[in-house]
Amino acid sequence: MDTILEQQRSYHEERERTMDAMVKEILHKKAGRYIEATIRLKELYEDKDGLRKEEIAALSGPNEFQEFYARLKQIKEFHRTHPNEISVPMSVEFEELAQLRENPSEDVTAPVEFTDEEGYGKYLDLHECYEKYINLKGIEKIDYITYLNLFDHLFDIPRERKNSEYRNYIRGLLQYLKDFVNRVKPLLDQAQEMALAHQDFLKQWEVGMFPGWPKETGGALTNVGAHLDLSAFSSWEELASLGLDRLKSALMALGLKCGGTLEERAQRLFSTKGQTALDKSLVAKKGATKAKASTQQRHKDIAAIEAQVYRYYIFCVVR
């Protein structure tokens, strides 16, 4: 029998009391109740059926006394048909929860647990991550205090050190930060935050601006190759005047080996002039191209994990 405005007031109260209980206790079932009350409150504010608008108009219209007595009649009718109905204030329910929190029993849900080092969510406990870090090959050995100040500086670690062992390390670091944030920020929409972090990462990666992963040097011609008309050249010496990069691009366009000195590249390219079939000994191995693509993808996957670490680190320090 509650009116729309009364339902809204009740949901506001429920959200505030639930939030207060969560701050003190951080029980997951309170988080679910908070979200449920928020969803219902949002639906009432959207007023898709127009009932809220009609109710406000009735209260502020010229017949406000008529509306008052109509509602009074509804209340009397409700209590006449439900004489034994007892209304328990919401404050009583949350007072009982507070008493259970102060005098816990075995059947009460345990609050979120923290280690002694975490100090109820005030600090990070990175001892396990530190042990993995100092065992990485080629990494400078530092003490734990220094590590706490530098563990998020993943961009300072050289690219050649970021192998499979390093990937396992940052996965463990990411898992800890994710679990820590989940305990100290239970209302945070982590899925949405990680989606935004991934979008930002892709934009930075494409332009070579992601920290610690500068874009490899070399223009478009170097990467995809560009054909060269050899009819204008009468000797390999003339081809050599084009330089290493242009010769490499022309060789790649033909699918030939593109390594070696300037003279070797020029001679290799000039040997194809007027030929209808290429010498198989000059053709580049396909495996090398696939291996390079695989390495680039592996680097991108590692960088994507680093992007998530950076985002979770922000939530750990900004509280």
C-alpha atoms as a PDB file:
ATOM      1  CA  MET A   1       0.000   0.000   0.000  1.00  0.00           C
ATOM      2  CA  ASP A   2       3.056   2.285   0.082  1.00  0.00           C
ATOM      3  CA  THR A   3       2.981   5.181  -2.348  1.00  0.00           C
ATOM      4  CA  ILE A   4       5.688   5.740  -4.958  1.00  0.00           C
ATOM      5  CA  LEU A   5       7.317   8.530  -2.966  1.00  0.00           C
ATOM      6  CA  GLU A   6       7.242   6.452   0.209  1.00  0.00           C
ATOM      7  CA  GLN A   7       8.891   3.565  -1.632  1.00  0.00           C
ATOM      8  CA  GLN A   8      11.602   5.920  -2.853  1.00  0.00           C
ATOM      9  CA  ARG A   9      12.161   7.264   0.650  1.00  0.00           C
ATOM     10  CA  SER A  10      12.353   3.713   1.984  1.00  0.00           C
ATOM     11  CA  TYR A  11      14.869   2.620  -0.658  1.00  0.00           C
ATOM     12  CA  HIS A  12      17.015   5.689   0.048  1.00  0.00           C
ATOM     13  CA  GLU A  13      17.022   4.781   3.725  1.00  0.00           C
ATOM     14  CA  GLU A  14      17.796   1.149   2.936  1.00  0.00           C
ATOM     15  CA  ARG A  15      20.750   2.102   0.723  1.00  0.00           C
ATOM     16  CA  GLU A  16      22.213   4.438   3.337  1.00  0.00           C
ATOM     17  CA  ARG A  17      21.799   1.984   6.196  1.00  0.00           C
ATOM     18  CA  THR A  18      23.178  -0.852   4.080  1.00  0.00           C
ATOM     19  CA  MET A  19      26.161   1.259   3.058  1.00  0.00           C
ATOM     20  CA  ASP A  20      26.830   2.079   6.696  1.00  0.00           C
ATOM     21  CA  ALA A  21      26.669  -1.607   7.610  1.00  0.00           C
ATOM     22  CA  MET A  22      28.999  -2.511   4.728  1.00  0.00           C
ATOM     23  CA  VAL A  23      31.561   0.065   5.773  1.00  0.00           C
ATOM     24  CA  LYS A  24      31.612  -1.410   9.265  1.00  0.00           C
ATOM     25  CA  GLU A  25      31.351  -5.044   8.346  1.00  0.00           C
ATOM     26  CA  ILE A  26      31.910  -5.413   4.560  1.00  0.00           C
ATOM     27  CA  LEU A  27      29.730  -8.469   4.260  1.00  0.00           C
ATOM     28  CA  HIS A  28      29.049  -9.585   0.703  1.00  0.00           C
ATOM     29  CA  LYS A  29      25.354 -10.167   1.279  1.00  0.00           C
ATOM     30  CA  LYS A  30      25.037  -6.500   2.232  1.00  0.00           C
ATOM     31  CA  ALA A  31      26.605  -5.540  -1.087  1.00  0.00           C
ATOM     32  CA  GLY A  32      23.951  -7.568  -2.906  1.00  0.00           C
ATOM     33  CA  ARG A  33      21.180  -5.895  -0.942  1.00  0.00           C
ATOM     34  CA  TYR A  34      22.647  -2.456  -1.635  1.00  0.00           C
ATOM     35  CA  ILE A  35      22.719  -3.125  -5.377  1.00  0.00           C
ATOM     36  CA  GLU A  36      19.166  -4.519  -5.330  1.00  0.00           C
ATOM     37  CA  ALA A  37      17.834  -1.431  -3.537  1.00  0.00           C
ATOM     38  CA  THR A  38      19.726   0.797  -5.986  1.00  0.00           C
ATOM     39  CA  ILE A  39      18.191  -0.953  -9.003  1.00  0.00           C
ATOM     40  CA  ARG A  40      14.657  -0.635  -7.624  1.00  0.00           C
ATOM     41  CA  LEU A  41      15.217   3.020  -6.742  1.00  0.00           C
ATOM     42  CA  LYS A  42      16.513   3.740 -10.239  1.00  0.00           C
ATOM     43  CA  GLU A  43      13.413   2.129 -11.768  1.00  0.00           C
ATOM     44  CA  LEU A  44      11.143   4.313  -9.642  1.00  0.00           C
ATOM     45  CA  TYR A  45      13.002   7.462 -10.669  1.00  0.00           C
ATOM     46  CA  GLU A  46      12.773   6.512 -14.342  1.00  0.00           C
ATOM     47  CA  ASP A  47       8.963   6.465 -13.874  1.00  0.00           C
ATOM     48  CA  LYS A  48       8.263   4.529 -17.067  1.00  0.00           C
ATOM     49  CA  ASP A  49       4.585   4.048 -16.151  1.00  0.00           C
ATOM     50  CA  GLY A  50       4.110   7.704 -15.140  1.00  0.00           C
ATOM     51  CA  LEU A  51       2.711   6.865 -11.677  1.00  0.00           C
ATOM     52  CA  ARG A  52       5.327   8.925  -9.841  1.00  0.00           C
ATOM     53  CA  LYS A  53       4.499  11.988 -11.908  1.00  0.00           C
ATOM     54  CA  GLU A  54       0.784  11.530 -11.218  1.00  0.00           C
ATOM     55  CA  GLU A  55       1.418  11.149  -7.488  1.00  0.00           C
ATOM     56  CA  ILE A  56       3.464  14.346  -7.291  1.00  0.00           C
ATOM     57  CA  ALA A  57       0.808  16.194  -9.280  1.00  0.00           C
ATOM     58  CA  ALA A  58      -1.889  14.999  -6.857  1.00  0.00           C
ATOM     59  CA  LEU A  59       0.106  16.221  -3.844  1.00  0.00           C
ATOM     60  CA  SER A  60       0.818  19.634  -5.330  1.00  0.00           C
ATOM     61  CA  GLY A  61      -2.555  20.172  -7.024  1.00  0.00           C
ATOM     62  CA  PRO A  62      -5.488  22.325  -5.902  1.00  0.00           C
ATOM     63  CA  ASN A  63      -7.166  19.395  -4.089  1.00  0.00           C
ATOM     64  CA  GLU A  64      -4.361  18.465  -1.703  1.00  0.00           C
ATOM     65  CA  PHE A  65      -6.757  18.020   1.243  1.00  0.00           C
ATOM     66  CA  GLN A  66      -8.897  15.681  -0.795  1.00  0.00           C
ATOM     67  CA  GLU A  67      -5.755  13.647  -1.587  1.00  0.00           C
ATOM     68  CA  PHE A  68      -4.804  13.644   2.102  1.00  0.00           C
ATOM     69  CA  TYR A  69      -8.149  12.252   3.261  1.00  0.00           C
ATOM     70  CA  ALA A  70      -8.176   9.721   0.430  1.00  0.00           C
ATOM     71  CA  ARG A  71      -4.840   8.352   1.621  1.00  0.00           C
ATOM     72  CA  LEU A  72      -5.969   8.412   5.234  1.00  0.00           C
ATOM     73  CA  LYS A  73      -8.961   6.345   4.200  1.00  0.00           C
ATOM     74  CA  GLN A  74      -6.639   3.834   2.491  1.00  0.00           C
ATOM     75  CA  ILE A  75      -4.532   3.512   5.644  1.00  0.00           C
ATOM     76  CA  LYS A  76      -7.596   2.924   7.835  1.00  0.00           C
ATOM     77  CA  GLU A  77      -8.945   0.376   5.381  1.00  0.00           C
ATOM     78  CA  PHE A  78      -5.615  -1.464   5.336  1.00  0.00           C
ATOM     79  CA  HIS A  79      -5.452  -1.729   9.130  1.00  0.00           C
ATOM     80  CA  ARG A  80      -9.101  -2.781   9.278  1.00  0.00           C
ATOM     81  CA  THR A  81      -8.448  -5.701   6.937  1.00  0.00           C
ATOM     82  CA  HIS A  82      -5.044  -6.486   8.537  1.00  0.00           C
ATOM     83  CA  PRO A  83      -5.570  -5.859  12.261  1.00  0.00           C
ATOM     84  CA  ASN A  84      -2.574  -7.977  13.332  1.00  0.00           C
ATOM     85  CA  GLU A  85      -0.107  -6.463  10.869  1.00  0.00           C
ATOM     86  CA  ILE A  86       3.048  -5.249  12.622  1.00  0.00           C
ATOM     87  CA  SER A  87       5.356  -2.761  10.943  1.00  0.00           C
ATOM     88  CA  VAL A  88       8.966  -3.143  12.057  1.00  0.00           C
ATOM     89  CA  PRO A  89      11.051  -0.009  11.387  1.00  0.00           C
ATOM     90  CA  MET A  90      14.122  -0.572   9.254  1.00  0.00           C
ATOM     91  CA  SER A  91      16.235   0.966  12.011  1.00  0.00           C
ATOM     92  CA  VAL A  92      15.370  -1.973  14.277  1.00  0.00           C
ATOM     93  CA  GLU A  93      16.659  -4.483  11.712  1.00  0.00           C
ATOM     94  CA  PHE A  94      19.987  -2.708  11.353  1.00  0.00           C
ATOM     95  CA  GLU A  95      20.321  -2.269  15.111  1.00  0.00           C
ATOM     96  CA  GLU A  96      20.051  -6.057  15.416  1.00  0.00           C
ATOM     97  CA  LEU A  97      22.770  -6.439  12.785  1.00  0.00           C
ATOM     98  CA  ALA A  98      24.955  -4.046  14.751  1.00  0.00           C
ATOM     99  CA  GLN A  99      24.437  -6.125  17.905  1.00  0.00           C
ATOM    100  CA  LEU A 100      25.377  -9.300  16.035  1.00  0.00           C
ATOM    101  CA  ARG A 101      28.507  -7.574  14.812  1.00  0.00           C
ATOM    102  CA  GLU A 102      29.475  -6.502  18.318  1.00  0.00           C
ATOM    103  CA  ASN A 103      28.611  -9.918  19.784  1.00  0.00           C
ATOM    104  CA  PRO A 104      29.414 -12.356  16.977  1.00  0.00           C
ATOM    105  CA  SER A 105      28.331 -15.969  17.117  1.00  0.00           C
ATOM    106  CA  GLU A 106      29.478 -18.978  15.122  1.00  0.00           C
ATOM    107  CA  ASP A 107      26.576 -18.836  12.669  1.00  0.00           C
ATOM    108  CA  VAL A 108      27.238 -15.220  11.683  1.00  0.00           C
ATOM    109  CA  THR A 109      28.984 -14.673   8.366  1.00  0.00           C
ATOM    110  CA  ALA A 110      32.635 -13.855   8.961  1.00  0.00           C
ATOM    111  CA  PRO A 111      33.853 -10.442   7.801  1.00  0.00           C
ATOM    112  CA  VAL A 112      36.460 -10.080   5.086  1.00  0.00           C
ATOM    113  CA  GLU A 113      39.840 -11.312   6.263  1.00  0.00           C
ATOM    114  CA  PHE A 114      43.134  -9.442   5.976  1.00  0.00           C
ATOM    115  CA  THR A 115      46.653 -10.486   6.858  1.00  0.00           C
ATOM    116  CA  ASP A 116      48.498  -8.756   9.683  1.00  0.00           C
ATOM    117  CA  GLU A 117      50.637  -6.873   7.147  1.00  0.00           C
ATOM    118  CA  GLU A 118      47.543  -5.566   5.343  1.00  0.00           C
ATOM    119  CA  GLY A 119      46.252  -3.876   8.502  1.00  0.00           C
ATOM    120  CA  TYR A 120      42.548  -4.295   7.668  1.00  0.00           C
ATOM    121  CA  GLY A 121      43.058  -3.056   4.124  1.00  0.00           C
ATOM    122  CA  LYS A 122      45.377  -0.114   4.818  1.00  0.00           C
ATOM    123  CA  TYR A 123      48.515  -1.685   3.340  1.00  0.00           C
ATOM    124  CA  LEU A 124      49.586  -4.214   0.717  1.00  0.00           C
ATOM    125  CA  ASP A 125      51.133  -7.551   1.623  1.00  0.00           C
ATOM    126  CA  LEU A 126      53.414  -8.306  -1.338  1.00  0.00           C
ATOM    127  CA  HIS A 127      55.830 -10.758   0.270  1.00  0.00           C
ATOM    128  CA  GLU A 128      54.927 -13.625  -2.080  1.00  0.00           C
ATOM    129  CA  CYS A 129      55.168 -11.384  -5.143  1.00  0.00           C
ATOM    130  CA  TYR A 130      58.510 -10.070  -3.897  1.00  0.00           C
ATOM    131  CA  GLU A 131      59.922 -13.598  -3.616  1.00  0.00           C
ATOM    132  CA  LYS A 132      58.949 -14.282  -7.233  1.00  0.00           C
ATOM    133  CA  TYR A 133      60.380 -10.953  -8.380  1.00  0.00           C
ATOM    134  CA  ILE A 134      63.861 -11.395  -6.918  1.00  0.00           C
ATOM    135  CA  ASN A 135      64.067 -14.856  -8.513  1.00  0.00           C
ATOM    136  CA  LEU A 136      63.564 -13.491 -12.028  1.00  0.00           C
ATOM    137  CA  LYS A 137      66.657 -13.885 -14.193  1.00  0.00           C
ATOM    138  CA  GLY A 138      68.524 -10.699 -14.993  1.00  0.00           C
ATOM    139  CA  ILE A 139      66.597  -8.614 -12.442  1.00  0.00           C
ATOM    140  CA  GLU A 140      68.485  -6.474  -9.950  1.00  0.00           C
ATOM    141  CA  LYS A 141      68.132  -7.826  -6.412  1.00  0.00           C
ATOM    142  CA  ILE A 142      66.528  -5.269  -4.096  1.00  0.00           C
ATOM    143  CA  ASP A 143      65.161  -5.348  -0.549  1.00  0.00           C
ATOM    144  CA  TYR A 144      61.452  -5.596   0.249  1.00  0.00           C
ATOM    145  CA  ILE A 145      61.017  -1.923   1.198  1.00  0.00           C
ATOM    146  CA  THR A 146      62.533  -0.812  -2.110  1.00  0.00           C
ATOM    147  CA  TYR A 147      60.303  -3.288  -3.934  1.00  0.00           C
ATOM    148  CA  LEU A 148      57.182  -1.748  -2.380  1.00  0.00           C
ATOM    149  CA  ASN A 149      58.141   1.588  -3.928  1.00  0.00           C
ATOM    150  CA  LEU A 150      59.020   0.150  -7.341  1.00  0.00           C
ATOM    151  CA  PHE A 151      56.788  -2.880  -7.940  1.00  0.00           C
ATOM    152  CA  ASP A 152      54.479  -0.860 -10.208  1.00  0.00           C
ATOM    153  CA  HIS A 153      57.403   0.419 -12.341  1.00  0.00           C
ATOM    154  CA  LEU A 154      57.063  -2.425 -14.814  1.00  0.00           C
ATOM    155  CA  PHE A 155      58.087  -0.068 -17.612  1.00  0.00           C
ATOM    156  CA  ASP A 156      61.616   0.076 -16.158  1.00  0.00           C
ATOM    157  CA  ILE A 157      62.189  -3.639 -16.772  1.00  0.00           C
ATOM    158  CA  PRO A 158      63.938  -4.199 -20.142  1.00  0.00           C
ATOM    159  CA  ARG A 159      61.850  -5.826 -22.846  1.00  0.00           C
ATOM    160  CA  GLU A 160      64.314  -8.689 -23.286  1.00  0.00           C
ATOM    161  CA  ARG A 161      63.752  -9.655 -19.629  1.00  0.00           C
ATOM    162  CA  LYS A 162      59.993 -10.001 -20.088  1.00  0.00           C
ATOM    163  CA  ASN A 163      59.812 -13.719 -20.821  1.00  0.00           C
ATOM    164  CA  SER A 164      57.415 -16.475 -19.752  1.00  0.00           C
ATOM    165  CA  GLU A 165      58.819 -16.413 -16.219  1.00  0.00           C
ATOM    166  CA  TYR A 166      58.134 -12.694 -16.016  1.00  0.00           C
ATOM    167  CA  ARG A 167      54.615 -13.248 -17.346  1.00  0.00           C
ATOM    168  CA  ASN A 168      53.913 -15.708 -14.529  1.00  0.00           C
ATOM    169  CA  TYR A 169      55.189 -13.134 -12.047  1.00  0.00           C
ATOM    170  CA  ILE A 170      52.913 -10.304 -13.212  1.00  0.00           C
ATOM    171  CA  ARG A 171      49.957 -12.692 -13.374  1.00  0.00           C
ATOM    172  CA  GLY A 172      50.498 -13.470  -9.696  1.00  0.00           C
ATOM    173  CA  LEU A 173      50.856  -9.761  -8.927  1.00  0.00           C
ATOM    174  CA  LEU A 174      47.665  -8.994 -10.844  1.00  0.00           C
ATOM    175  CA  GLN A 175      45.747 -11.727  -9.025  1.00  0.00           C
ATOM    176  CA  TYR A 176      46.783 -10.356  -5.633  1.00  0.00           C
ATOM    177  CA  LEU A 177      45.873  -6.759  -6.517  1.00  0.00           C
ATOM    178  CA  LYS A 178      42.534  -7.925  -7.907  1.00  0.00           C
ATOM    179  CA  ASP A 179      41.740  -9.837  -4.715  1.00  0.00           C
ATOM    180  CA  PHE A 180      42.855  -6.924  -2.527  1.00  0.00           C
ATOM    181  CA  VAL A 181      40.698  -4.403  -4.406  1.00  0.00           C
ATOM    182  CA  ASN A 182      37.759  -6.801  -4.232  1.00  0.00           C
ATOM    183  CA  ARG A 183      38.067  -6.804  -0.439  1.00  0.00           C
ATOM    184  CA  VAL A 184      38.565  -3.063   0.100  1.00  0.00           C
ATOM    185  CA  LYS A 185      36.216  -1.862  -2.682  1.00  0.00           C
ATOM    186  CA  PRO A 186      33.370  -4.412  -2.848  1.00  0.00           C
ATOM    187  CA  LEU A 187      31.114  -2.039  -4.813  1.00  0.00           C
ATOM    188  CA  LEU A 188      33.638  -1.381  -7.582  1.00  0.00           C
ATOM    189  CA  ASP A 189      32.580  -2.687 -10.998  1.00  0.00           C
ATOM    190  CA  GLN A 190      35.865  -4.399 -11.840  1.00  0.00           C
ATOM    191  CA  ALA A 191      34.649  -5.791 -15.165  1.00  0.00           C
ATOM    192  CA  GLN A 192      33.822  -2.310 -16.426  1.00  0.00           C
ATOM    193  CA  GLU A 193      37.104  -0.864 -15.175  1.00  0.00           C
ATOM    194  CA  MET A 194      39.125  -3.607 -16.857  1.00  0.00           C
ATOM    195  CA  ALA A 195      37.224  -3.088 -20.109  1.00  0.00           C
ATOM    196  CA  LEU A 196      38.135   0.609 -20.031  1.00  0.00           C
ATOM    197  CA  ALA A 197      41.740  -0.242 -19.178  1.00  0.00           C
ATOM    198  CA  HIS A 198      41.924  -2.617 -22.157  1.00  0.00           C
ATOM    199  CA  GLN A 199      40.532   0.027 -24.504  1.00  0.00           C
ATOM    200  CA  ASP A 200      43.131   2.540 -23.332  1.00  0.00           C
ATOM    201  CA  PHE A 201      45.842  -0.093 -23.700  1.00  0.00           C
ATOM    202  CA  LEU A 202      44.915  -0.894 -27.316  1.00  0.00           C
ATOM    203  CA  LYS A 203      45.003   2.786 -28.254  1.00  0.00           C
ATOM    204  CA  GLN A 204      48.425   3.277 -26.676  1.00  0.00           C
ATOM    205  CA  TRP A 205      49.793   0.036 -28.120  1.00  0.00           C
ATOM    206  CA  GLU A 206      48.815   0.909 -31.682  1.00  0.00           C
ATOM    207  CA  VAL A 207      50.749   4.179 -31.592  1.00  0.00           C
ATOM    208  CA  GLY A 208      53.668   2.783 -29.598  1.00  0.00           C
ATOM    209  CA  MET A 209      52.960   4.923 -26.524  1.00  0.00           C
ATOM    210  CA  PHE A 210      52.365   2.192 -23.939  1.00  0.00           C
ATOM    211  CA  PRO A 211      54.922   2.544 -21.090  1.00  0.00           C
ATOM    212  CA  GLY A 212      57.901   0.243 -21.511  1.00  0.00           C
ATOM    213  CA  TRP A 213      56.930  -0.927 -25.000  1.00  0.00           C
ATOM    214  CA  PRO A 214      58.047   1.643 -27.598  1.00  0.00           C
ATOM    215  CA  LYS A 215      57.079   0.870 -31.154  1.00  0.00           C
ATOM    216  CA  GLU A 216      59.773  -0.917 -33.113  1.00  0.00           C
ATOM    217  CA  THR A 217      61.589   1.340 -35.537  1.00  0.00           C
ATOM    218  CA  GLY A 218      60.931   0.934 -39.225  1.00  0.00           C
ATOM    219  CA  GLY A 219      58.442   2.444 -41.604  1.00  0.00           C
ATOM    220  CA  ALA A 220      55.641   0.876 -43.547  1.00  0.00           C
ATOM    221  CA  LEU A 221      57.932  -0.106 -46.404  1.00  0.00           C
ATOM    222  CA  THR A 222      60.151  -2.040 -44.042  1.00  0.00           C
ATOM    223  CA  ASN A 223      57.238  -3.973 -42.569  1.00  0.00           C
ATOM    224  CA  VAL A 224      55.252  -4.915 -45.651  1.00  0.00           C
ATOM    225  CA  GLY A 225      57.720  -4.430 -48.482  1.00  0.00           C
ATOM    226  CA  ALA A 226      57.408  -2.389 -51.661  1.00  0.00           C
ATOM    227  CA  HIS A 227      58.178  -3.617 -55.173  1.00  0.00           C
ATOM    228  CA  LEU A 228      60.997  -1.985 -57.104  1.00  0.00           C
ATOM    229  CA  ASP A 229      61.198  -1.670 -60.904  1.00  0.00           C
ATOM    230  CA  LEU A 230      64.616  -3.095 -61.802  1.00  0.00           C
ATOM    231  CA  SER A 231      64.470  -2.063 -65.467  1.00  0.00           C
ATOM    232  CA  ALA A 232      65.936   1.319 -64.553  1.00  0.00           C
ATOM    233  CA  PHE A 233      69.081  -0.265 -63.069  1.00  0.00           C
ATOM    234  CA  SER A 234      71.933  -1.717 -65.123  1.00  0.00           C
ATOM    235  CA  SER A 235      74.089  -3.054 -62.277  1.00  0.00           C
ATOM    236  CA  TRP A 236      73.864  -4.032 -58.643  1.00  0.00           C
ATOM    237  CA  GLU A 237      76.098  -1.070 -57.781  1.00  0.00           C
ATOM    238  CA  GLU A 238      73.322   1.276 -58.883  1.00  0.00           C
ATOM    239  CA  LEU A 239      70.883  -0.615 -56.674  1.00  0.00           C
ATOM    240  CA  ALA A 240      73.257  -0.266 -53.731  1.00  0.00           C
ATOM    241  CA  SER A 241      72.875   3.506 -53.929  1.00  0.00           C
ATOM    242  CA  LEU A 242      69.276   3.107 -52.682  1.00  0.00           C
ATOM    243  CA  GLY A 243      70.437   2.085 -49.222  1.00  0.00           C
ATOM    244  CA  LEU A 244      69.815  -0.851 -46.895  1.00  0.00           C
ATOM    245  CA  ASP A 245      66.202  -0.082 -45.962  1.00  0.00           C
ATOM    246  CA  ARG A 246      64.918   0.334 -49.531  1.00  0.00           C
ATOM    247  CA  LEU A 247      66.652  -2.840 -50.675  1.00  0.00           C
ATOM    248  CA  LYS A 248      65.226  -4.721 -47.710  1.00  0.00           C
ATOM    249  CA  SER A 249      61.739  -3.514 -48.596  1.00  0.00           C
ATOM    250  CA  ALA A 250      62.101  -4.639 -52.213  1.00  0.00           C
ATOM    251  CA  LEU A 251      63.423  -8.056 -51.175  1.00  0.00           C
ATOM    252  CA  MET A 252      60.551  -8.530 -48.710  1.00  0.00           C
ATOM    253  CA  ALA A 253      58.049  -7.681 -51.446  1.00  0.00           C
ATOM    254  CA  LEU A 254      59.458 -10.563 -53.506  1.00  0.00           C
ATOM    255  CA  GLY A 255      59.538 -12.911 -50.527  1.00  0.00           C
ATOM    256  CA  LEU A 256      63.345 -13.120 -50.603  1.00  0.00           C
ATOM    257  CA  LYS A 257      65.881 -13.121 -47.807  1.00  0.00           C
ATOM    258  CA  CYS A 258      66.469  -9.527 -46.756  1.00  0.00           C
ATOM    259  CA  GLY A 259      69.495  -9.803 -44.457  1.00  0.00           C
ATOM    260  CA  GLY A 260      73.179  -9.269 -45.152  1.00  0.00           C
ATOM    261  CA  THR A 261      75.352  -6.324 -46.103  1.00  0.00           C
ATOM    262  CA  LEU A 262      74.428  -3.583 -48.543  1.00  0.00           C
ATOM    263  CA  GLU A 263      76.356  -5.288 -51.357  1.00  0.00           C
ATOM    264  CA  GLU A 264      74.786  -8.699 -50.657  1.00  0.00           C
ATOM    265  CA  ARG A 265      71.279  -7.285 -50.705  1.00  0.00           C
ATOM    266  CA  ALA A 266      71.921  -5.366 -53.920  1.00  0.00           C
ATOM    267  CA  GLN A 267      73.410  -8.420 -55.661  1.00  0.00           C
ATOM    268  CA  ARG A 268      70.580 -10.672 -54.463  1.00  0.00           C
ATOM    269  CA  LEU A 269      67.931  -8.284 -55.732  1.00  0.00           C
ATOM    270  CA  PHE A 270      69.687  -7.602 -59.056  1.00  0.00           C
ATOM    271  CA  SER A 271      69.989 -11.351 -59.715  1.00  0.00           C
ATOM    272  CA  THR A 272      66.192 -11.504 -60.071  1.00  0.00           C
ATOM    273  CA  LYS A 273      66.125  -9.016 -62.959  1.00  0.00           C
ATOM    274  CA  GLY A 274      64.563 -10.586 -66.041  1.00  0.00           C
ATOM    275  CA  GLN A 275      63.989 -13.923 -64.272  1.00  0.00           C
ATOM    276  CA  THR A 276      60.614 -15.671 -64.562  1.00  0.00           C
ATOM    277  CA  ALA A 277      61.319 -18.006 -61.636  1.00  0.00           C
ATOM    278  CA  LEU A 278      63.108 -17.173 -58.409  1.00  0.00           C
ATOM    279  CA  ASP A 279      66.064 -19.140 -57.081  1.00  0.00           C
ATOM    280  CA  LYS A 280      64.745 -21.209 -54.157  1.00  0.00           C
ATOM    281  CA  SER A 281      67.947 -20.602 -52.223  1.00  0.00           C
ATOM    282  CA  LEU A 282      67.095 -16.896 -52.134  1.00  0.00           C
ATOM    283  CA  VAL A 283      63.524 -17.324 -50.855  1.00  0.00           C
ATOM    284  CA  ALA A 284      62.980 -16.391 -47.195  1.00  0.00           C
ATOM    285  CA  LYS A 285      61.773 -19.074 -44.811  1.00  0.00           C
ATOM    286  CA  LYS A 286      58.131 -18.656 -43.786  1.00  0.00           C
ATOM    287  CA  GLY A 287      58.891 -19.890 -40.305  1.00  0.00           C
ATOM    288  CA  ALA A 288      60.903 -16.769 -39.530  1.00  0.00           C
ATOM    289  CA  THR A 289      57.937 -14.525 -40.320  1.00  0.00           C
ATOM    290  CA  LYS A 290      55.594 -16.637 -38.219  1.00  0.00           C
ATOM    291  CA  ALA A 291      58.055 -16.650 -35.326  1.00  0.00           C
ATOM    292  CA  LYS A 292      58.276 -12.860 -35.412  1.00  0.00           C
ATOM    293  CA  ALA A 293      54.486 -12.532 -35.418  1.00  0.00           C
ATOM    294  CA  SER A 294      54.254 -14.967 -32.510  1.00  0.00           C
ATOM    295  CA  THR A 295      56.822 -12.963 -30.535  1.00  0.00           C
ATOM    296  CA  GLN A 296      54.949  -9.722 -31.158  1.00  0.00           C
ATOM    297  CA  GLN A 297      51.690 -11.276 -29.968  1.00  0.00           C
ATOM    298  CA  ARG A 298      53.385 -12.622 -26.850  1.00  0.00           C
ATOM    299  CA  HIS A 299      54.749  -9.163 -26.084  1.00  0.00           C
ATOM    300  CA  LYS A 300      51.306  -7.664 -26.568  1.00  0.00           C
ATOM    301  CA  ASP A 301      49.742 -10.195 -24.187  1.00  0.00           C
ATOM    302  CA  ILE A 302      52.317  -9.378 -21.504  1.00  0.00           C
ATOM    303  CA  ALA A 303      51.766  -5.649 -21.974  1.00  0.00           C
ATOM    304  CA  ALA A 304      47.993  -6.163 -21.646  1.00  0.00           C
ATOM    305  CA  ILE A 305      48.524  -7.782 -18.240  1.00  0.00           C
ATOM    306  CA  GLU A 306      50.735  -4.852 -17.236  1.00  0.00           C
ATOM    307  CA  ALA A 307      47.920  -2.467 -18.188  1.00  0.00           C
ATOM    308  CA  GLN A 308      45.602  -4.239 -15.750  1.00  0.00           C
ATOM    309  CA  VAL A 309      48.251  -4.075 -13.012  1.00  0.00           C
ATOM    310  CA  TYR A 310      48.547  -0.312 -13.528  1.00  0.00           C
ATOM    311  CA  ARG A 311      44.772   0.138 -13.261  1.00  0.00           C
ATOM    312  CA  TYR A 312      44.442  -1.964 -10.091  1.00  0.00           C
ATOM    313  CA  TYR A 313      47.393  -0.141  -8.546  1.00  0.00           C
ATOM    314  CA  ILE A 314      45.449   3.122  -8.861  1.00  0.00           C
ATOM    315  CA  PHE A 315      42.554   1.648  -6.878  1.00  0.00           C
ATOM    316  CA  CYS A 316      44.978   0.429  -4.202  1.00  0.00           C
ATOM    317  CA  VAL A 317      46.594   3.816  -3.577  1.00  0.00           C
ATOM    318  CA  VAL A 318      43.553   6.071  -4.140  1.00  0.00           C
ATOM    319  CA  ARG A 319      41.121   5.246  -1.334  1.00  0.00           C
END
